[in-house]
C-alpha atoms as a PDB file:
ATOM      1  CA  UNK A   1     -25.219  11.919 -40.481  1.00  0.00           C
ATOM      2  CA  UNK A   2     -22.293  12.430 -42.784  1.00  0.00           C
ATOM      3  CA  UNK A   3     -20.372  15.608 -41.494  1.00  0.00           C
ATOM      4  CA  UNK A   4     -18.756  16.220 -44.796  1.00  0.00           C
ATOM      5  CA  UNK A   5     -15.256  16.894 -43.008  1.00  0.00           C
ATOM      6  CA  UNK A   6     -13.424  13.970 -45.310  1.00  0.00           C
ATOM      7  CA  UNK A   7     -10.705  15.705 -47.140  1.00  0.00           C
ATOM      8  CA  UNK A   8     -10.794  19.013 -45.114  1.00  0.00           C
ATOM      9  CA  UNK A   9      -7.631  20.132 -43.458  1.00  0.00           C
ATOM     10  CA  UNK A  10      -7.529  21.806 -39.982  1.00  0.00           C
ATOM     11  CA  UNK A  11      -5.398  23.461 -38.127  1.00  0.00           C
ATOM     12  CA  UNK A  12      -5.378  23.257 -34.480  1.00  0.00           C
ATOM     13  CA  UNK A  13      -3.440  25.448 -31.976  1.00  0.00           C
ATOM     14  CA  UNK A  14      -2.515  24.094 -28.639  1.00  0.00           C
ATOM     15  CA  UNK A  15      -4.409  20.990 -29.234  1.00  0.00           C
ATOM     16  CA  UNK A  16      -1.902  18.275 -27.585  1.00  0.00           C
ATOM     17  CA  UNK A  17      -4.242  17.522 -24.792  1.00  0.00           C
ATOM     18  CA  UNK A  18      -7.490  18.407 -23.143  1.00  0.00           C
ATOM     19  CA  UNK A  19     -10.602  19.071 -25.492  1.00  0.00           C
ATOM     20  CA  UNK A  20      -7.935  20.120 -28.210  1.00  0.00           C
ATOM     21  CA  UNK A  21      -6.724  16.590 -28.397  1.00  0.00           C
ATOM     22  CA  UNK A  22     -10.405  15.187 -28.247  1.00  0.00           C
ATOM     23  CA  UNK A  23     -11.382  17.618 -31.310  1.00  0.00           C
ATOM     24  CA  UNK A  24      -8.414  16.104 -33.402  1.00  0.00           C
ATOM     25  CA  UNK A  25      -9.408  12.896 -32.596  1.00  0.00           C
ATOM     26  CA  UNK A  26     -12.936  13.644 -33.595  1.00  0.00           C
ATOM     27  CA  UNK A  27     -12.065  15.279 -36.980  1.00  0.00           C
ATOM     28  CA  UNK A  28      -9.463  12.626 -37.888  1.00  0.00           C
ATOM     29  CA  UNK A  29     -12.078   9.971 -37.307  1.00  0.00           C
ATOM     30  CA  UNK A  30     -14.251  11.812 -39.905  1.00  0.00           C
ATOM     31  CA  UNK A  31     -11.630  11.687 -42.300  1.00  0.00           C
ATOM     32  CA  UNK A  32     -10.044  15.493 -41.786  1.00  0.00           C
ATOM     33  CA  UNK A  33      -6.424  15.894 -42.114  1.00  0.00           C
ATOM     34  CA  UNK A  34      -5.022  17.809 -39.031  1.00  0.00           C
ATOM     35  CA  UNK A  35      -2.011  19.951 -37.864  1.00  0.00           C
ATOM     36  CA  UNK A  36      -1.442  20.487 -33.863  1.00  0.00           C
ATOM     37  CA  UNK A  37       0.988  22.159 -32.021  1.00  0.00           C
ATOM     38  CA  UNK A  38       2.181  22.546 -28.288  1.00  0.00           C
ATOM     39  CA  UNK A  39       5.195  23.792 -26.471  1.00  0.00           C
ATOM     40  CA  UNK A  40       5.696  20.545 -25.105  1.00  0.00           C
ATOM     41  CA  UNK A  41       7.203  17.942 -27.925  1.00  0.00           C
ATOM     42  CA  UNK A  42       6.679  15.043 -25.877  1.00  0.00           C
ATOM     43  CA  UNK A  43       2.762  15.834 -25.341  1.00  0.00           C
ATOM     44  CA  UNK A  44       2.510  16.200 -29.155  1.00  0.00           C
ATOM     45  CA  UNK A  45       4.257  12.797 -30.064  1.00  0.00           C
ATOM     46  CA  UNK A  46       1.535  11.031 -27.569  1.00  0.00           C
ATOM     47  CA  UNK A  47      -1.068  13.051 -29.180  1.00  0.00           C
ATOM     48  CA  UNK A  48      -0.003  11.687 -32.701  1.00  0.00           C
ATOM     49  CA  UNK A  49       0.463   8.376 -31.691  1.00  0.00           C
ATOM     50  CA  UNK A  50      -3.281   8.233 -30.373  1.00  0.00           C
ATOM     51  CA  UNK A  51      -4.701  10.160 -33.534  1.00  0.00           C
ATOM     52  CA  UNK A  52      -2.547   7.576 -35.677  1.00  0.00           C
ATOM     53  CA  UNK A  53      -5.003   4.880 -34.399  1.00  0.00           C
ATOM     54  CA  UNK A  54      -8.398   6.771 -34.782  1.00  0.00           C
ATOM     55  CA  UNK A  55     -11.181   6.342 -37.255  1.00  0.00           C
ATOM     56  CA  UNK A  56     -12.422   3.507 -39.337  1.00  0.00           C
ATOM     57  CA  UNK A  57     -10.352   1.566 -42.277  1.00  0.00           C
ATOM     58  CA  UNK A  58     -10.329   4.171 -45.025  1.00  0.00           C
ATOM     59  CA  UNK A  59     -11.673   6.748 -43.226  1.00  0.00           C
ATOM     60  CA  UNK A  60      -9.404   8.017 -40.941  1.00  0.00           C
ATOM     61  CA  UNK A  61      -7.537  11.369 -41.894  1.00  0.00           C
ATOM     62  CA  UNK A  62      -4.011  11.907 -41.035  1.00  0.00           C
ATOM     63  CA  UNK A  63      -2.136  13.972 -38.301  1.00  0.00           C
ATOM     64  CA  UNK A  64       1.177  16.244 -38.246  1.00  0.00           C
ATOM     65  CA  UNK A  65       2.367  17.886 -35.059  1.00  0.00           C
ATOM     66  CA  UNK A  66       4.956  20.113 -34.132  1.00  0.00           C
ATOM     67  CA  UNK A  67       6.362  21.908 -30.967  1.00  0.00           C
ATOM     68  CA  UNK A  68       5.942  25.235 -31.043  1.00  0.00           C
ATOM     69  CA  UNK A  69       5.554  28.174 -28.127  1.00  0.00           C
ATOM     70  CA  UNK A  70       2.340  29.905 -28.963  1.00  0.00           C
ATOM     71  CA  UNK A  71       3.514  32.882 -26.909  1.00  0.00           C
ATOM     72  CA  UNK A  72       6.322  33.214 -29.331  1.00  0.00           C
ATOM     73  CA  UNK A  73       4.566  35.139 -32.267  1.00  0.00           C
ATOM     74  CA  UNK A  74       7.119  34.678 -34.868  1.00  0.00           C
ATOM     75  CA  UNK A  75       7.449  30.822 -34.310  1.00  0.00           C
ATOM     76  CA  UNK A  76       3.636  30.455 -33.745  1.00  0.00           C
ATOM     77  CA  UNK A  77       2.486  32.293 -36.928  1.00  0.00           C
ATOM     78  CA  UNK A  78       5.389  30.514 -39.160  1.00  0.00           C
ATOM     79  CA  UNK A  79       3.897  27.229 -37.331  1.00  0.00           C
ATOM     80  CA  UNK A  80       0.782  27.853 -39.146  1.00  0.00           C
ATOM     81  CA  UNK A  81       2.177  28.909 -42.303  1.00  0.00           C
ATOM     82  CA  UNK A  82       4.357  25.682 -42.683  1.00  0.00           C
ATOM     83  CA  UNK A  83       1.462  23.223 -41.242  1.00  0.00           C
ATOM     84  CA  UNK A  84      -1.092  24.817 -43.798  1.00  0.00           C
ATOM     85  CA  UNK A  85       1.579  24.213 -46.574  1.00  0.00           C
ATOM     86  CA  UNK A  86       2.308  20.622 -45.521  1.00  0.00           C
ATOM     87  CA  UNK A  87      -1.746  19.702 -45.313  1.00  0.00           C
ATOM     88  CA  UNK A  88      -1.981  21.516 -48.617  1.00  0.00           C
ATOM     89  CA  UNK A  89      -4.337  24.425 -47.347  1.00  0.00           C
ATOM     90  CA  UNK A  90      -6.666  25.185 -44.180  1.00  0.00           C
ATOM     91  CA  UNK A  91     -10.305  24.680 -44.424  1.00  0.00           C
ATOM     92  CA  UNK A  92     -10.897  25.061 -40.494  1.00  0.00           C
ATOM     93  CA  UNK A  93      -8.760  26.818 -37.661  1.00  0.00           C
ATOM     94  CA  UNK A  94      -9.038  26.682 -34.311  1.00  0.00           C
ATOM     95  CA  UNK A  95      -6.872  28.033 -31.327  1.00  0.00           C
ATOM     96  CA  UNK A  96      -7.027  25.804 -27.760  1.00  0.00           C
ATOM     97  CA  UNK A  97      -4.132  28.071 -26.375  1.00  0.00           C
ATOM     98  CA  UNK A  98      -5.120  29.461 -22.738  1.00  0.00           C
ATOM     99  CA  UNK A  99      -3.418  30.928 -19.648  1.00  0.00           C
ATOM    100  CA  UNK A 100      -5.831  29.474 -17.480  1.00  0.00           C
ATOM    101  CA  UNK A 101      -7.007  30.452 -14.010  1.00  0.00           C
ATOM    102  CA  UNK A 102      -5.391  31.656 -10.926  1.00  0.00           C
ATOM    103  CA  UNK A 103      -4.567  34.679  -8.759  1.00  0.00           C
ATOM    104  CA  UNK A 104      -5.796  38.206 -10.136  1.00  0.00           C
ATOM    105  CA  UNK A 105      -2.263  39.736 -10.687  1.00  0.00           C
ATOM    106  CA  UNK A 106      -0.596  41.724 -13.331  1.00  0.00           C
ATOM    107  CA  UNK A 107       1.320  38.732 -14.533  1.00  0.00           C
ATOM    108  CA  UNK A 108      -1.950  36.863 -15.007  1.00  0.00           C
ATOM    109  CA  UNK A 109      -3.358  39.333 -16.819  1.00  0.00           C
ATOM    110  CA  UNK A 110      -0.336  39.549 -19.211  1.00  0.00           C
ATOM    111  CA  UNK A 111      -0.612  35.509 -19.219  1.00  0.00           C
ATOM    112  CA  UNK A 112      -4.160  35.840 -20.050  1.00  0.00           C
ATOM    113  CA  UNK A 113      -3.913  38.582 -22.890  1.00  0.00           C
ATOM    114  CA  UNK A 114      -1.297  36.764 -24.555  1.00  0.00           C
ATOM    115  CA  UNK A 115      -2.169  33.113 -24.612  1.00  0.00           C
ATOM    116  CA  UNK A 116      -6.564  33.424 -24.796  1.00  0.00           C
ATOM    117  CA  UNK A 117      -6.566  37.258 -26.693  1.00  0.00           C
ATOM    118  CA  UNK A 118      -3.309  37.637 -28.957  1.00  0.00           C
ATOM    119  CA  UNK A 119      -2.898  33.883 -29.447  1.00  0.00           C
ATOM    120  CA  UNK A 120      -6.591  33.535 -31.116  1.00  0.00           C
ATOM    121  CA  UNK A 121      -5.898  36.864 -33.029  1.00  0.00           C
ATOM    122  CA  UNK A 122      -2.719  35.602 -34.512  1.00  0.00           C
ATOM    123  CA  UNK A 123      -3.955  32.715 -35.620  1.00  0.00           C
ATOM    124  CA  UNK A 124      -7.276  33.635 -37.352  1.00  0.00           C
ATOM    125  CA  UNK A 125      -5.327  36.720 -39.202  1.00  0.00           C
ATOM    126  CA  UNK A 126      -2.613  34.048 -40.292  1.00  0.00           C
ATOM    127  CA  UNK A 127      -5.042  31.208 -41.212  1.00  0.00           C
ATOM    128  CA  UNK A 128      -7.462  33.895 -43.146  1.00  0.00           C
ATOM    129  CA  UNK A 129      -5.334  34.248 -46.447  1.00  0.00           C
ATOM    130  CA  UNK A 130      -5.941  30.299 -46.649  1.00  0.00           C
ATOM    131  CA  UNK A 131      -9.371  30.114 -45.531  1.00  0.00           C
ATOM    132  CA  UNK A 132     -10.383  32.578 -48.430  1.00  0.00           C
ATOM    133  CA  UNK A 133      -9.006  29.931 -50.893  1.00  0.00           C
ATOM    134  CA  UNK A 134     -11.184  27.098 -48.674  1.00  0.00           C
ATOM    135  CA  UNK A 135     -14.699  26.092 -50.206  1.00  0.00           C
ATOM    136  CA  UNK A 136     -15.872  24.927 -46.582  1.00  0.00           C
ATOM    137  CA  UNK A 137     -14.026  27.852 -44.614  1.00  0.00           C
ATOM    138  CA  UNK A 138     -14.535  27.764 -40.453  1.00  0.00           C
ATOM    139  CA  UNK A 139     -13.379  29.180 -37.372  1.00  0.00           C
ATOM    140  CA  UNK A 140     -14.439  27.635 -34.128  1.00  0.00           C
ATOM    141  CA  UNK A 141     -13.217  30.367 -31.328  1.00  0.00           C
ATOM    142  CA  UNK A 142     -12.735  28.620 -27.964  1.00  0.00           C
ATOM    143  CA  UNK A 143     -14.057  30.537 -24.832  1.00  0.00           C
ATOM    144  CA  UNK A 144     -15.505  29.242 -21.665  1.00  0.00           C
ATOM    145  CA  UNK A 145     -19.202  29.682 -20.346  1.00  0.00           C
ATOM    146  CA  UNK A 146     -17.625  32.201 -17.369  1.00  0.00           C
ATOM    147  CA  UNK A 147     -17.580  34.788 -20.263  1.00  0.00           C
ATOM    148  CA  UNK A 148     -21.006  35.372 -20.010  1.00  0.00           C
ATOM    149  CA  UNK A 149     -21.644  34.531 -16.601  1.00  0.00           C
ATOM    150  CA  UNK A 150     -18.734  34.910 -14.177  1.00  0.00           C
ATOM    151  CA  UNK A 151     -19.207  32.144 -11.446  1.00  0.00           C
ATOM    152  CA  UNK A 152     -15.758  32.093  -9.486  1.00  0.00           C
ATOM    153  CA  UNK A 153     -15.871  35.925  -8.754  1.00  0.00           C
ATOM    154  CA  UNK A 154     -13.458  38.693 -11.039  1.00  0.00           C
ATOM    155  CA  UNK A 155     -10.878  36.771 -12.919  1.00  0.00           C
ATOM    156  CA  UNK A 156      -8.502  37.549 -15.979  1.00  0.00           C
ATOM    157  CA  UNK A 157      -9.355  34.351 -17.653  1.00  0.00           C
ATOM    158  CA  UNK A 158     -13.009  35.190 -17.438  1.00  0.00           C
ATOM    159  CA  UNK A 159     -12.378  38.572 -18.607  1.00  0.00           C
ATOM    160  CA  UNK A 160     -10.196  37.840 -21.767  1.00  0.00           C
ATOM    161  CA  UNK A 161     -12.559  34.685 -22.840  1.00  0.00           C
ATOM    162  CA  UNK A 162     -15.112  37.422 -22.842  1.00  0.00           C
ATOM    163  CA  UNK A 163     -13.004  39.934 -25.172  1.00  0.00           C
ATOM    164  CA  UNK A 164     -12.596  36.919 -27.547  1.00  0.00           C
ATOM    165  CA  UNK A 165     -16.017  36.059 -27.589  1.00  0.00           C
ATOM    166  CA  UNK A 166     -16.868  39.640 -28.244  1.00  0.00           C
ATOM    167  CA  UNK A 167     -14.187  39.555 -31.180  1.00  0.00           C
ATOM    168  CA  UNK A 168     -15.445  36.245 -32.489  1.00  0.00           C
ATOM    169  CA  UNK A 169     -19.222  37.999 -32.772  1.00  0.00           C
ATOM    170  CA  UNK A 170     -17.902  40.736 -34.745  1.00  0.00           C
ATOM    171  CA  UNK A 171     -15.526  38.835 -37.201  1.00  0.00           C
ATOM    172  CA  UNK A 172     -18.410  36.716 -37.900  1.00  0.00           C
ATOM    173  CA  UNK A 173     -20.544  39.274 -39.099  1.00  0.00           C
ATOM    174  CA  UNK A 174     -17.380  40.903 -41.283  1.00  0.00           C
ATOM    175  CA  UNK A 175     -16.426  37.510 -42.564  1.00  0.00           C
ATOM    176  CA  UNK A 176     -19.884  35.593 -43.604  1.00  0.00           C
ATOM    177  CA  UNK A 177     -20.022  37.644 -47.048  1.00  0.00           C
ATOM    178  CA  UNK A 178     -17.065  35.935 -48.268  1.00  0.00           C
ATOM    179  CA  UNK A 179     -18.315  32.533 -46.826  1.00  0.00           C
ATOM    180  CA  UNK A 180     -16.186  32.172 -43.778  1.00  0.00           C
ATOM    181  CA  UNK A 181     -17.955  30.726 -40.790  1.00  0.00           C
ATOM    182  CA  UNK A 182     -16.994  32.130 -37.606  1.00  0.00           C
ATOM    183  CA  UNK A 183     -18.567  30.561 -34.320  1.00  0.00           C
ATOM    184  CA  UNK A 184     -17.543  30.383 -30.615  1.00  0.00           C
ATOM    185  CA  UNK A 185     -17.929  27.442 -27.941  1.00  0.00           C
ATOM    186  CA  UNK A 186     -17.969  28.132 -24.577  1.00  0.00           C
ATOM    187  CA  UNK A 187     -17.459  25.037 -22.274  1.00  0.00           C
ATOM    188  CA  UNK A 188     -18.227  24.778 -18.654  1.00  0.00           C
ATOM    189  CA  UNK A 189     -16.754  22.695 -15.893  1.00  0.00           C
ATOM    190  CA  UNK A 190     -15.025  19.840 -18.070  1.00  0.00           C
ATOM    191  CA  UNK A 191     -13.735  16.862 -16.336  1.00  0.00           C
ATOM    192  CA  UNK A 192     -10.046  16.146 -17.741  1.00  0.00           C
ATOM    193  CA  UNK A 193      -7.321  13.909 -16.445  1.00  0.00           C
ATOM    194  CA  UNK A 194      -4.770  16.034 -14.902  1.00  0.00           C
ATOM    195  CA  UNK A 195      -6.705  19.309 -15.625  1.00  0.00           C
ATOM    196  CA  UNK A 196      -7.833  21.950 -13.275  1.00  0.00           C
ATOM    197  CA  UNK A 197     -11.095  20.178 -12.142  1.00  0.00           C
ATOM    198  CA  UNK A 198      -9.250  17.044 -11.491  1.00  0.00           C
ATOM    199  CA  UNK A 199      -6.624  18.673  -9.373  1.00  0.00           C
ATOM    200  CA  UNK A 200      -9.581  20.544  -7.383  1.00  0.00           C
ATOM    201  CA  UNK A 201     -11.427  16.899  -6.722  1.00  0.00           C
ATOM    202  CA  UNK A 202      -8.238  15.627  -5.458  1.00  0.00           C
ATOM    203  CA  UNK A 203      -6.988  18.364  -3.422  1.00  0.00           C
ATOM    204  CA  UNK A 204     -10.090  20.636  -2.651  1.00  0.00           C
ATOM    205  CA  UNK A 205     -12.820  18.241  -2.586  1.00  0.00           C
ATOM    206  CA  UNK A 206     -15.094  20.711  -1.019  1.00  0.00           C
ATOM    207  CA  UNK A 207     -15.130  23.308  -3.546  1.00  0.00           C
ATOM    208  CA  UNK A 208     -15.725  20.367  -6.432  1.00  0.00           C
ATOM    209  CA  UNK A 209     -18.623  19.228  -4.921  1.00  0.00           C
ATOM    210  CA  UNK A 210     -20.061  22.428  -4.204  1.00  0.00           C
ATOM    211  CA  UNK A 211     -19.496  23.280  -8.044  1.00  0.00           C
ATOM    212  CA  UNK A 212     -20.891  20.024  -9.323  1.00  0.00           C
ATOM    213  CA  UNK A 213     -24.029  20.622  -7.190  1.00  0.00           C
ATOM    214  CA  UNK A 214     -24.495  23.381  -9.178  1.00  0.00           C
ATOM    215  CA  UNK A 215     -24.798  21.658 -12.512  1.00  0.00           C
ATOM    216  CA  UNK A 216     -28.497  20.392 -13.036  1.00  0.00           C
ATOM    217  CA  UNK A 217     -27.400  17.118 -14.602  1.00  0.00           C
ATOM    218  CA  UNK A 218     -25.192  16.310 -11.251  1.00  0.00           C
ATOM    219  CA  UNK A 219     -21.877  15.865 -13.070  1.00  0.00           C
ATOM    220  CA  UNK A 220     -19.246  17.902 -15.260  1.00  0.00           C
ATOM    221  CA  UNK A 221     -18.989  17.497 -18.536  1.00  0.00           C
ATOM    222  CA  UNK A 222     -16.297  15.312 -20.369  1.00  0.00           C
ATOM    223  CA  UNK A 223     -13.808  16.579 -23.361  1.00  0.00           C
ATOM    224  CA  UNK A 224     -15.304  14.039 -25.724  1.00  0.00           C
ATOM    225  CA  UNK A 225     -18.917  15.912 -25.464  1.00  0.00           C
ATOM    226  CA  UNK A 226     -17.220  18.926 -25.897  1.00  0.00           C
ATOM    227  CA  UNK A 227     -15.142  17.829 -28.737  1.00  0.00           C
ATOM    228  CA  UNK A 228     -18.380  16.278 -31.167  1.00  0.00           C
ATOM    229  CA  UNK A 229     -20.136  19.662 -30.819  1.00  0.00           C
ATOM    230  CA  UNK A 230     -17.045  21.408 -31.785  1.00  0.00           C
ATOM    231  CA  UNK A 231     -16.808  18.861 -34.893  1.00  0.00           C
ATOM    232  CA  UNK A 232     -20.105  19.467 -36.051  1.00  0.00           C
ATOM    233  CA  UNK A 233     -20.072  23.414 -35.700  1.00  0.00           C
ATOM    234  CA  UNK A 234     -16.828  23.331 -37.863  1.00  0.00           C
ATOM    235  CA  UNK A 235     -18.215  21.082 -40.389  1.00  0.00           C
ATOM    236  CA  UNK A 236     -19.813  21.982 -43.561  1.00  0.00           C
ATOM    237  CA  UNK A 237     -23.334  19.971 -42.199  1.00  0.00           C
ATOM    238  CA  UNK A 238     -24.069  23.631 -40.818  1.00  0.00           C
ATOM    239  CA  UNK A 239     -23.571  25.883 -43.174  1.00  0.00           C
ATOM    240  CA  UNK A 240     -26.068  28.622 -42.212  1.00  0.00           C
ATOM    241  CA  UNK A 241     -24.802  28.866 -38.690  1.00  0.00           C
ATOM    242  CA  UNK A 242     -22.556  31.951 -37.791  1.00  0.00           C
ATOM    243  CA  UNK A 243     -21.892  34.040 -34.909  1.00  0.00           C
ATOM    244  CA  UNK A 244     -23.489  31.678 -32.604  1.00  0.00           C
ATOM    245  CA  UNK A 245     -21.814  31.209 -28.931  1.00  0.00           C
ATOM    246  CA  UNK A 246     -22.543  27.312 -28.260  1.00  0.00           C
ATOM    247  CA  UNK A 247     -22.214  27.371 -24.257  1.00  0.00           C
ATOM    248  CA  UNK A 248     -21.916  23.426 -23.006  1.00  0.00           C
ATOM    249  CA  UNK A 249     -21.907  23.381 -19.670  1.00  0.00           C
ATOM    250  CA  UNK A 250     -24.938  20.994 -18.270  1.00  0.00           C
ATOM    251  CA  UNK A 251     -26.879  23.570 -17.415  1.00  0.00           C
ATOM    252  CA  UNK A 252     -24.392  25.157 -15.343  1.00  0.00           C
ATOM    253  CA  UNK A 253     -24.645  28.691 -16.282  1.00  0.00           C
ATOM    254  CA  UNK A 254     -28.351  29.856 -15.382  1.00  0.00           C
ATOM    255  CA  UNK A 255     -29.015  32.843 -17.979  1.00  0.00           C
ATOM    256  CA  UNK A 256     -31.395  32.341 -20.706  1.00  0.00           C
ATOM    257  CA  UNK A 257     -29.057  31.606 -23.792  1.00  0.00           C
ATOM    258  CA  UNK A 258     -29.484  34.277 -25.773  1.00  0.00           C
END
């Protein structure tokens, strides 16, 4: 299936590693030009080297990147503007920034609010004027399965992901008349090298095994599986799909998906 991504331009905030980088790889392989950012310049450079080798001859899109502290509102918005200018426009926007999980403290509430909620909101607001000029505008909001079914007790991470899931649903309805599609992806437990579940498997194997056993498929997901779904959701291949929250978790969440 041709996803229709060739020649489109994607701005991906916080996409130097994990699921974000795999999404960038999937888009570049489909011929989409991408801009990525992260705070760690070395991580951005490593990602750009990998992206430069992705895709078939004549099909591969190009990738650009910059070191940006997404918590710095002015720097973040300035990067979106400059990245869009360098790409020649913006057809797809996503923000992978997150404060992650952890102890429920006032500091974590603020961190998750800044890096999950405000980074998503600021990014969308800054990208919107450019998306309105696109023939195939699409926003994919990155949430989590714990936003719809709490699985690890009260967490600031889960609460803030629930907030952006709600926001994305409302924005989908508001922007649909303009032809701008907004959808959400909520990954469940995903094994990423050096990520949280990788560390839990090494240092707390009993917690890892207990949660792996809760996944009907008997394993954790991998970032490529999530990235391919996101690439499809963002693409012109599904133009009538708006306001969806696609839960990708191997059946970890037991609720009926509606």
